[in-house]
Structures are given as structure tokens and as C-alpha cells.
Amino acid sequence: MAFTDENNARWKRIREQGLIRFVLVQGVIKWGIGTALAWLAFMTLVTGGQYNYGTAVPYALIIFPSLGIVFGLALWFALNRLSPQA
């Protein structure tokens, strides 16, 4: 996969904002919270609304954002390797 000039310029701007911000926004908020909400919605559909939200919501909002940290770090290092200015 090659970066286009536009993608390279965008990645350069993102990289200048730093690793921590990238991981928090892309990993924890976008992937972690987004996946938690999607999972809860899916479980609601599968169980017909008879899901134990009292325990599921806190677990989902802890587990998925925690995994989002790993996702964000992996994405950061992968994009750094692919970037021509790494």
C-alpha cells in the first residue's frame, strides 16, 4: 500500500499531534466506544431486549476501549511503517 501525496500530508499532520492523542481518538473513542455501542446494539437485537444491561454496559465500556488502546497503537505503528517519511 502506498501513500498518496494527500494521504501523506494528512498523516504528517496527524503524526505531529502525537501518539497519545491518536490512540485516544482513533483507538479508544472511535474504535473502542463505537465497537462497544455496536456490540450492545447487536446483543439487544439477538436477545430481543432481554439483555442484562446492568453488567453488560460497564463491562463493554471498559473492555472495548481498553482493546482500543491496543488497536490505536497497532494502527499508529503500521501507518508509521507505511509512511514514506517514517
Protein backbone atom coordinates (compact mmCIF):
# COMPACT_ATOMS: atom_id res chain seq x y z
CA MET A 1 0.00 0.00 0.00
CA ALA A 2 1.43 3.34 -0.99
CA PHE A 3 0.58 6.72 0.47
CA THR A 4 -0.63 9.35 -1.97
CA ASP A 5 0.69 12.88 -1.55
CA GLU A 6 -2.63 13.91 0.02
CA ASN A 7 -2.65 10.96 2.44
CA ASN A 8 0.98 11.57 3.31
CA ALA A 9 0.28 15.22 4.14
CA ARG A 10 -2.72 14.20 6.26
CA TRP A 11 -0.72 11.56 8.12
CA LYS A 12 2.06 14.10 8.74
CA ARG A 13 -0.47 16.48 10.37
CA ILE A 14 -1.91 13.66 12.48
CA ARG A 15 1.54 12.43 13.50
CA GLU A 16 2.51 15.94 14.63
CA GLN A 17 -0.40 15.87 17.10
CA GLY A 18 1.21 12.91 18.83
CA LEU A 19 0.81 9.26 19.68
CA ILE A 20 -1.33 9.74 22.79
CA ARG A 21 -3.93 11.89 21.05
CA PHE A 22 -4.05 9.48 18.10
CA VAL A 23 -4.55 6.45 20.36
CA LEU A 24 -7.23 8.22 22.41
CA VAL A 25 -9.20 9.48 19.42
CA GLN A 26 -8.77 6.65 16.91
CA GLY A 27 -8.42 3.74 19.32
CA VAL A 28 -10.37 4.49 22.48
CA ILE A 29 -13.10 6.84 21.27
CA LYS A 30 -13.73 5.83 17.67
CA TRP A 31 -12.95 2.11 17.79
CA GLY A 32 -13.47 1.29 21.47
CA ILE A 33 -16.64 3.24 22.24
CA GLY A 34 -18.00 2.65 18.74
CA THR A 35 -17.48 -1.09 18.99
CA ALA A 36 -18.97 -1.19 22.50
CA LEU A 37 -22.12 0.56 21.30
CA ALA A 38 -22.37 -1.66 18.21
CA TRP A 39 -21.93 -4.77 20.36
CA LEU A 40 -24.63 -3.64 22.80
CA ALA A 41 -27.00 -2.90 19.91
CA PHE A 42 -26.28 -6.32 18.39
CA MET A 43 -26.88 -8.07 21.71
CA THR A 44 -30.15 -6.18 22.10
CA LEU A 45 -31.30 -7.47 18.72
CA VAL A 46 -30.14 -11.03 19.38
CA THR A 47 -31.77 -11.28 22.82
CA GLY A 48 -34.91 -9.35 21.92
CA GLY A 49 -34.14 -6.69 24.52
CA GLN A 50 -33.84 -9.20 27.35
CA TYR A 51 -30.17 -8.46 27.98
CA ASN A 52 -28.67 -7.72 31.41
CA TYR A 53 -27.58 -4.14 30.77
CA GLY A 54 -26.63 -3.55 34.40
CA THR A 55 -23.48 -5.62 33.98
CA ALA A 56 -23.05 -5.54 30.20
CA VAL A 57 -22.77 -1.78 29.74
CA PRO A 58 -19.98 -1.22 32.29
CA TYR A 59 -18.06 -4.24 31.00
CA ALA A 60 -18.46 -3.13 27.39
CA LEU A 61 -17.32 0.40 28.23
CA ILE A 62 -14.23 -0.96 29.99
CA ILE A 63 -13.21 -3.87 27.76
CA PHE A 64 -13.69 -2.39 24.28
CA PRO A 65 -11.98 0.97 24.94
CA SER A 66 -9.12 -0.93 26.63
CA LEU A 67 -8.72 -3.01 23.50
CA GLY A 68 -8.97 0.26 21.56
CA ILE A 69 -5.64 1.26 23.11
CA VAL A 70 -4.05 -1.82 21.53
CA PHE A 71 -5.83 -1.11 18.24
CA GLY A 72 -4.71 2.53 18.23
CA LEU A 73 -1.09 1.62 18.97
CA ALA A 74 -1.06 -1.05 16.27
CA LEU A 75 -2.57 1.38 13.77
CA TRP A 76 -0.07 4.12 14.68
CA PHE A 77 2.94 1.85 14.18
CA ALA A 78 1.54 0.31 11.00
CA LEU A 79 0.89 3.73 9.46
CA ASN A 80 4.35 4.90 10.51
CA ARG A 81 5.89 1.93 8.72
CA LEU A 82 3.86 2.60 5.56
CA SER A 83 4.57 6.33 5.53
CA PRO A 84 7.45 7.37 3.29
CA GLN A 85 8.53 9.91 5.92
CA ALA A 86 8.71 7.41 8.81
